[in-house]
Amino acid sequence: MFFPSSWPGPPPSQFNGHLQTIIPGALRKVRGVHYTRERIFTPDQDFLDLDWLRAGHQRIVVLTHGLEGDTQRQYMLGMAKLFHQNGWDVLAWNCRSCSGEMNRAFRLYHHGDTEDITSVVEHIRSSGHYREIALIGFSMGGNINMKYLGVLGDNAPKELIAAVSFSSPCDIADGADRIDRWDNIIYKKRFLGALHQKIRAKHQLHPGKLEISRLKSIRRWREFDELFSVPICGFRNLADFYQQASVKNYVAGIRRPTLLVNAENDPFLPPSCYPVDIAREHDFFHLEMPKGGGHCGFRARGDREFSWSEKRALQFCGQYSRLS
């Protein structure tokens, strides 16, 4: 199902997809969000750090960040603040290694990792406090949420009422090739620089498991995935990783109202990341493709405190809540 986009266009200074991506991430400040942190432990004896905003509401939104992000990113803080002001408790969680402390297990996180979001949702459910749960994810986080719902299908927890994903690279193989383009070199250097540090830290904790000597020779993203993502995340080979991490292979199974918002000018997303054909025939999977917004930007003309994406997510989740 398609939604015509209500995005009104960018501020005058953000006249292309790169500026719409970079300026919000670099310059936007969200104040007044003061999380309470909780650490939970996973079935494989690792840990996840969860950041809460609690006010005793019976509905909660779960926020999942993007690649090498964390709960302090402006898009996470803005979404947390708006939902918390409008009658929702908030749980923003950090993927393994993203909370400021390296995780203990050999494995890290990846675009198709549904084990940890399962742990987070089940932790919420075990409290017995929340009647409604909504999921919101950004880039990689959107992939994680959509795959989680797609794999579960009709067996998704009854408390889950809706999900929203922004800027999600639904095809990881094509996305890897897109990030290698010359016009994306600034993003590639930033991501790989952060990931290189984590690979070295992982090597120190688990010596002998990685070909660390080849790290400096990597030039293409597929090389990084083959040498490091595949063994760290436990896949058979690169093809296995890309198949299981690409959410386009799982969205057909979604059975909860789910909105994917991918801007047409997103510099990270190739055409295969816009699952138009699936959305056209699907009763639960909704696709919105605004002309602009960049990657996890979506600042619109007239926006002050909150971004258009934050208001759009609140609107979508609210229409499925009975506790409004």
Protein backbone atom coordinates (compact mmCIF):
# COMPACT_ATOMS: atom_id res chain seq x y z
CA MET A 1 0.00 0.00 0.00
CA PHE A 2 1.27 3.47 -0.85
CA PHE A 3 0.92 6.69 1.10
CA PRO A 4 1.26 10.00 -0.74
CA SER A 5 3.92 11.82 1.22
CA SER A 6 3.06 14.80 3.40
CA TRP A 7 6.71 15.95 3.50
CA PRO A 8 6.51 19.65 2.52
CA GLY A 9 10.07 20.03 1.27
CA PRO A 10 13.39 20.95 2.88
CA PRO A 11 14.63 24.19 4.43
CA PRO A 12 16.08 26.46 1.72
CA SER A 13 19.68 25.73 2.72
CA GLN A 14 19.25 21.97 2.31
CA PHE A 15 18.82 21.80 -1.46
CA ASN A 16 20.03 18.23 -2.12
CA GLY A 17 20.09 14.79 -0.53
CA HIS A 18 23.61 15.13 0.86
CA LEU A 19 22.86 18.37 2.67
CA GLN A 20 19.56 16.96 3.91
CA THR A 21 21.55 14.05 5.36
CA ILE A 22 24.56 15.88 6.78
CA ILE A 23 23.17 19.10 8.23
CA PRO A 24 20.63 17.55 10.65
CA GLY A 25 23.18 15.02 11.89
CA ALA A 26 25.91 17.61 12.38
CA LEU A 27 24.04 20.70 13.56
CA ARG A 28 20.76 19.71 15.15
CA LYS A 29 20.68 19.70 18.95
CA VAL A 30 17.89 18.01 20.92
CA ARG A 31 17.76 19.07 24.55
CA GLY A 32 15.85 17.87 27.57
CA VAL A 33 16.07 14.11 27.05
CA HIS A 34 17.40 12.42 30.20
CA TYR A 35 17.44 8.66 29.92
CA THR A 36 17.60 6.14 32.72
CA ARG A 37 19.90 3.26 31.74
CA GLU A 38 19.26 -0.42 32.35
CA ARG A 39 21.51 -3.34 31.40
CA ILE A 40 19.96 -6.65 30.48
CA PHE A 41 21.68 -9.91 29.60
CA THR A 42 21.16 -11.93 26.45
CA PRO A 43 20.76 -15.71 26.12
CA ASP A 44 24.42 -15.98 24.99
CA GLN A 45 25.62 -14.20 28.18
CA ASP A 46 26.27 -10.88 26.48
CA PHE A 47 24.59 -7.61 27.46
CA LEU A 48 22.43 -4.86 25.99
CA ASP A 49 22.18 -1.33 27.38
CA LEU A 50 18.67 0.12 27.30
CA ASP A 51 17.85 3.80 27.80
CA TRP A 52 14.39 4.58 29.19
CA LEU A 53 12.00 7.49 29.45
CA ARG A 54 9.26 6.34 31.84
CA ALA A 55 6.11 8.15 32.92
CA GLY A 56 3.84 5.25 33.80
CA HIS A 57 2.07 5.03 30.44
CA GLN A 58 0.64 1.73 29.22
CA ARG A 59 2.04 2.10 25.72
CA ILE A 60 5.69 2.21 24.76
CA VAL A 61 7.75 2.95 21.66
CA VAL A 62 11.00 1.07 21.06
CA LEU A 63 13.69 2.97 19.11
CA THR A 64 16.47 1.18 17.18
CA HIS A 65 19.39 3.20 15.81
CA GLY A 66 21.36 2.85 12.59
CA LEU A 67 24.81 1.52 11.73
CA GLU A 68 27.37 2.71 14.28
CA GLY A 69 24.72 4.88 15.92
CA ASP A 70 23.50 4.94 19.50
CA THR A 71 20.70 6.36 21.61
CA GLN A 72 22.27 9.84 21.63
CA ARG A 73 21.88 10.49 17.91
CA GLN A 74 19.68 13.46 17.10
CA TYR A 75 17.11 11.33 15.29
CA MET A 76 16.79 9.07 18.36
CA LEU A 77 16.56 11.94 20.82
CA GLY A 78 14.02 13.85 18.76
CA MET A 79 11.78 10.82 18.35
CA ALA A 80 12.08 9.94 22.04
CA LYS A 81 11.22 13.46 23.13
CA LEU A 82 8.15 13.82 20.89
CA PHE A 83 6.66 10.45 21.83
CA HIS A 84 7.33 11.01 25.53
CA GLN A 85 5.53 14.36 25.36
CA ASN A 86 2.52 12.66 23.78
CA GLY A 87 1.63 9.86 26.15
CA TRP A 88 4.19 7.14 25.43
CA ASP A 89 6.95 5.61 27.48
CA VAL A 90 10.16 5.24 25.46
CA LEU A 91 12.84 2.56 25.31
CA ALA A 92 15.84 3.46 23.14
CA TRP A 93 18.32 0.62 22.98
CA ASN A 94 21.95 0.34 21.96
CA CYS A 95 23.04 -2.48 19.70
CA ARG A 96 25.97 -4.56 20.97
CA SER A 97 29.16 -2.47 21.22
CA CYS A 98 27.29 0.83 20.67
CA SER A 99 26.64 1.95 24.26
CA GLY A 100 30.21 3.02 24.99
CA GLU A 101 31.44 -0.41 26.08
CA MET A 102 32.53 -3.28 23.85
CA ASN A 103 30.28 -6.30 24.06
CA ARG A 104 31.66 -9.56 25.46
CA ALA A 105 30.72 -12.11 22.81
CA PHE A 106 32.65 -12.49 19.56
CA ARG A 107 29.69 -11.45 17.45
CA LEU A 108 28.55 -7.90 16.83
CA TYR A 109 25.27 -6.66 15.36
CA HIS A 110 24.11 -6.57 11.73
CA HIS A 111 21.23 -5.47 9.51
CA GLY A 112 19.39 -8.77 9.83
CA ASP A 113 19.93 -9.41 13.54
CA THR A 114 16.55 -10.22 15.11
CA GLU A 115 17.83 -11.98 18.24
CA ASP A 116 18.51 -8.82 20.20
CA ILE A 117 15.31 -6.98 19.30
CA THR A 118 13.53 -10.15 20.41
CA SER A 119 15.30 -9.91 23.78
CA VAL A 120 14.30 -6.25 24.10
CA VAL A 121 10.63 -6.84 23.25
CA GLU A 122 10.39 -9.85 25.55
CA HIS A 123 11.97 -7.85 28.37
CA ILE A 124 9.25 -5.24 27.95
CA ARG A 125 6.52 -7.86 27.82
CA SER A 126 7.82 -9.61 30.93
CA SER A 127 7.15 -6.48 32.98
CA GLY A 128 3.43 -6.95 32.38
CA HIS A 129 3.00 -3.19 32.33
CA TYR A 130 2.54 -2.34 28.66
CA ARG A 131 -0.61 -3.03 26.67
CA GLU A 132 0.77 -1.59 23.42
CA ILE A 133 4.24 -1.63 21.84
CA ALA A 134 5.32 0.25 18.71
CA LEU A 135 8.68 -0.14 16.94
CA ILE A 136 10.59 2.64 15.20
CA GLY A 137 13.92 2.09 13.46
CA PHE A 138 16.38 4.18 11.51
CA SER A 139 18.39 2.85 8.57
CA MET A 140 19.81 -0.47 9.85
CA GLY A 141 17.41 -0.30 12.81
CA GLY A 142 14.48 -0.16 10.43
CA ASN A 143 15.75 -3.29 8.70
CA ILE A 144 16.03 -5.09 12.02
CA ASN A 145 12.46 -4.23 13.01
CA MET A 146 10.96 -5.14 9.65
CA LYS A 147 12.76 -8.47 9.48
CA TYR A 148 11.68 -9.24 13.05
CA LEU A 149 8.04 -8.66 12.10
CA GLY A 150 8.41 -10.45 8.77
CA VAL A 151 9.88 -13.58 10.33
CA LEU A 152 7.23 -13.72 13.07
CA GLY A 153 4.28 -13.00 10.81
CA ASP A 154 1.03 -13.89 12.55
CA ASN A 155 3.02 -14.99 15.62
CA ALA A 156 4.15 -11.46 16.47
CA PRO A 157 3.36 -10.53 20.10
CA LYS A 158 -0.20 -9.34 20.53
CA GLU A 159 1.04 -6.11 22.14
CA LEU A 160 2.80 -5.00 18.94
CA ILE A 161 0.50 -2.55 17.21
CA ALA A 162 2.65 -0.80 14.57
CA ALA A 163 6.14 -0.15 13.25
CA VAL A 164 7.81 2.66 11.31
CA SER A 165 11.16 2.52 9.50
CA PHE A 166 13.08 5.44 8.03
CA SER A 167 15.84 5.29 5.40
CA SER A 168 16.21 1.51 5.46
CA PRO A 169 18.60 -0.21 3.01
CA CYS A 170 16.34 -3.14 2.15
CA ASP A 171 18.94 -4.70 -0.18
CA ILE A 172 22.30 -4.96 1.60
CA ALA A 173 24.30 -6.18 -1.40
CA ASP A 174 23.22 -3.31 -3.65
CA GLY A 175 23.58 -0.95 -0.70
CA ALA A 176 27.20 -2.01 -0.26
CA ASP A 177 27.88 -1.11 -3.89
CA ARG A 178 26.10 2.23 -3.53
CA ILE A 179 28.22 3.28 -0.53
CA ASP A 180 31.33 2.62 -2.65
CA ARG A 181 30.40 5.35 -5.13
CA TRP A 182 32.68 8.39 -5.28
CA ASP A 183 29.94 10.75 -4.12
CA ASN A 184 29.48 8.71 -0.92
CA ILE A 185 33.14 8.66 0.07
CA ILE A 186 32.58 10.87 3.14
CA TYR A 187 30.05 8.42 4.58
CA LYS A 188 32.13 5.37 3.72
CA LYS A 189 35.21 6.75 5.47
CA ARG A 190 33.20 7.62 8.55
CA PHE A 191 31.54 4.21 8.84
CA LEU A 192 34.65 2.19 8.07
CA GLY A 193 36.76 4.27 10.43
CA ALA A 194 34.42 3.48 13.32
CA LEU A 195 34.13 -0.17 12.34
CA HIS A 196 37.92 -0.57 12.03
CA GLN A 197 38.28 0.49 15.66
CA LYS A 198 35.75 -2.11 16.73
CA ILE A 199 37.41 -4.84 14.66
CA ARG A 200 40.73 -4.12 16.39
CA ALA A 201 39.04 -4.18 19.80
CA LYS A 202 37.33 -7.44 18.91
CA HIS A 203 40.67 -8.90 17.83
CA GLN A 204 42.17 -8.04 21.22
CA LEU A 205 39.31 -9.75 23.04
CA HIS A 206 39.24 -12.79 20.73
CA PRO A 207 42.74 -13.16 19.22
CA GLY A 208 43.29 -15.45 16.26
CA LYS A 209 39.71 -15.39 14.95
CA LEU A 210 40.06 -12.55 12.43
CA GLU A 211 42.45 -11.76 9.58
CA ILE A 212 43.33 -8.45 11.20
CA SER A 213 46.38 -7.95 8.95
CA ARG A 214 44.09 -7.44 5.96
CA LEU A 215 42.08 -4.64 7.55
CA LYS A 216 44.14 -1.79 6.09
CA SER A 217 44.01 -3.20 2.56
CA ILE A 218 40.21 -3.06 2.27
CA ARG A 219 38.95 -0.78 -0.51
CA ARG A 220 35.40 -1.97 -1.15
CA TRP A 221 32.56 -2.53 1.30
CA ARG A 222 32.00 -6.09 0.07
CA GLU A 223 35.60 -6.88 1.06
CA PHE A 224 34.91 -5.68 4.58
CA ASP A 225 31.77 -7.78 4.79
CA GLU A 226 33.47 -10.90 3.46
CA LEU A 227 36.51 -10.63 5.72
CA PHE A 228 34.82 -9.44 8.90
CA SER A 229 31.01 -9.24 8.86
CA VAL A 230 30.64 -12.85 7.73
CA PRO A 231 32.84 -14.52 10.40
CA ILE A 232 31.90 -12.15 13.23
CA CYS A 233 28.17 -12.58 12.66
CA GLY A 234 28.35 -16.32 12.02
CA PHE A 235 27.34 -16.61 8.36
CA ARG A 236 28.49 -19.30 5.93
CA ASN A 237 29.67 -16.86 3.27
CA LEU A 238 28.97 -13.44 1.78
CA ALA A 239 25.92 -14.58 -0.17
CA ASP A 240 24.40 -16.07 2.99
CA PHE A 241 25.00 -12.82 4.88
CA TYR A 242 23.45 -10.63 2.19
CA GLN A 243 20.42 -12.89 1.85
CA GLN A 244 19.70 -12.95 5.56
CA ALA A 245 20.48 -9.27 6.15
CA SER A 246 18.36 -7.93 3.28
CA VAL A 247 14.91 -7.17 4.61
CA LYS A 248 13.37 -7.16 1.12
CA ASN A 249 13.40 -10.96 1.49
CA TYR A 250 11.18 -10.83 4.60
CA VAL A 251 8.71 -7.94 4.38
CA ALA A 252 6.09 -10.08 2.65
CA GLY A 253 5.58 -11.90 5.96
CA ILE A 254 4.75 -8.75 7.97
CA ARG A 255 1.36 -8.92 9.70
CA ARG A 256 1.38 -5.71 11.72
CA PRO A 257 0.86 -2.22 10.24
CA THR A 258 4.32 -1.15 9.11
CA LEU A 259 5.36 2.07 7.38
CA LEU A 260 8.63 2.37 5.46
CA VAL A 261 9.69 5.92 4.56
CA ASN A 262 12.58 6.03 2.09
CA ALA A 263 13.35 9.38 0.47
CA GLU A 264 13.85 9.33 -3.29
CA ASN A 265 17.05 11.37 -2.91
CA ASP A 266 18.61 9.21 -0.18
CA PRO A 267 22.31 9.00 -1.13
CA PHE A 268 22.65 5.52 0.44
CA LEU A 269 19.76 3.74 -1.27
CA PRO A 270 19.82 2.09 -4.72
CA PRO A 271 16.54 1.32 -6.56
CA SER A 272 16.26 -2.17 -5.01
CA CYS A 273 15.75 -0.54 -1.60
CA TYR A 274 12.31 0.73 -2.61
CA PRO A 275 10.05 -2.39 -2.47
CA VAL A 276 7.31 -0.91 -4.63
CA ASP A 277 5.92 -4.19 -5.95
CA ILE A 278 5.54 -5.70 -2.47
CA ALA A 279 3.85 -2.58 -1.12
CA ARG A 280 1.41 -2.51 -4.03
CA GLU A 281 -0.10 -5.86 -3.04
CA HIS A 282 0.40 -5.88 0.75
CA ASP A 283 -2.28 -5.10 3.33
CA PHE A 284 0.14 -4.39 6.20
CA PHE A 285 3.29 -3.04 4.54
CA HIS A 286 3.02 0.64 3.58
CA LEU A 287 5.62 2.51 1.54
CA GLU A 288 6.06 6.28 1.49
CA MET A 289 8.61 7.86 -0.85
CA PRO A 290 8.97 11.61 -0.29
CA LYS A 291 10.89 13.46 -2.98
CA GLY A 292 13.48 14.55 -0.43
CA GLY A 293 14.66 14.07 3.11
CA GLY A 294 18.07 12.52 2.56
CA HIS A 295 19.17 9.70 4.86
CA CYS A 296 17.63 9.96 8.33
CA GLY A 297 17.33 13.71 7.85
CA PHE A 298 13.75 14.71 6.99
CA ARG A 299 14.00 18.24 8.30
CA ALA A 300 11.26 20.18 6.56
CA ARG A 301 10.64 23.84 5.93
CA GLY A 302 8.86 25.25 8.94
CA ASP A 303 10.24 22.63 11.33
CA ARG A 304 11.38 24.01 14.64
CA GLU A 305 11.81 21.59 17.52
CA PHE A 306 10.75 18.39 15.80
CA SER A 307 11.42 16.89 12.36
CA TRP A 308 8.73 15.91 9.91
CA SER A 309 9.75 12.25 10.35
CA GLU A 310 9.11 12.40 14.08
CA LYS A 311 5.66 13.89 13.60
CA ARG A 312 4.89 11.37 10.85
CA ALA A 313 5.86 8.42 13.07
CA LEU A 314 3.72 9.71 15.94
CA GLN A 315 0.78 10.10 13.59
CA PHE A 316 1.14 6.59 12.14
CA CYS A 317 1.56 4.82 15.48
CA GLY A 318 -1.18 6.87 17.08
CA GLN A 319 -3.78 5.79 14.56
CA TYR A 320 -3.37 2.17 15.66
CA SER A 321 -3.33 2.90 19.40
CA ARG A 322 -6.48 2.45 21.44
CA LEU A 323 -4.91 4.31 24.34
CA SER A 324 -4.70 7.72 22.68
